[in-house]
Each structure stands twice: as C-alpha cells, then as structure tokens.
C-alpha cells in the first residue's frame, strides 16, 4: 500500500533535530506528533492552508485511536525504561519487552497516519493552495492554537525551523 504521508513523515522525522522538536511539542503541550507532521505534509507537499475547523476535524478523526492506543503504548514504553530491576536477567527481559512495545507503538502511529491519510484524501481538493513555507508555518500555528493557543505555543511553531526545513526539503527531493 502506498502511504505518501507515512513515507514523508519518516523522512522528515529522521532529519536533523526534527525528532527533538516534535517530541518537545508532544511532551510540553500534549500535541499529537502525527498532527504536527500532517501540518508539514499538507503545507509542504500540497501548499494547503488549513483552518481551525480542519484541524478540529482531523483531531476528532484520529483522536480516539491516539488516546486509547498510541498514548498508552507510549506510556508503557516509557515506564519500562524507568523501572529499576534487581537482577540483570530482569533488566534484560524488560529491555527486550521495551523494544517490542516500541515497535508496536510505531505501528500504532502508522495506523493513525493511515486514518489521517484517508481523512486528507477526502478533503484535498477543497483546500486553498499557496506558498509551501507559509502553509507549513500557518498550519502549525493553527494546530497549536487549537491545543489551547497562547503565545508560548504559537512561538513554538516558529521555533520548529528544522521541521519546516525538513518538510520543504522533502518536496525538493521528490
């Protein structure tokens, strides 16, 4: 199955400092990284400028899966990393389990992106198109405002320079 959003996300997330930026938004503000990557994808690849209503709709579409599956898997993986065991065997077994949970967590993220990809395809022709950089930055600002706004979150969108650059590099590469 061709998953352009997933392929784009893997390439962008692997770029210099993007992972740290995305995880910072996730950990500081509780933002779904898949929605951050959707901002970058739709802006960079399609020049699509989204509205608050668009993001509310995308969040509603992916939200139940994210909250009920992705977040609990992430919490389990992080908890496994933090537990201290008394024996090396227990430590090794927990480390192996953490690797397995991480793989399942990644698969759950891919499934969420499949949902967002389907959501995108149904709306793609209805969005206005413009400059890719402006669309990425604007989409991030709209997304962050939807998570509660505030100057700190809006500044975070501007600070995601590596994410924006990596997203735009993917368009140039293709």
Foldseek 3Di string as FASTA:
>chain_A
DDQPLVVLCVQLCPFPCLVVLLVCCCVVQVADSSLLSVQLQCLQQPQFADALVLLVVLCVQLVVLCVVPLVVLVVLLVVLVVDDDDDPVVNVVSVVVSVVSVVVNVVSSVVSSVSSSVSCVVCVVVTDHDHSLVSSLNSQQSSQVSSPDDPVSNVSSVVSVSSNVSSNVVNVVD
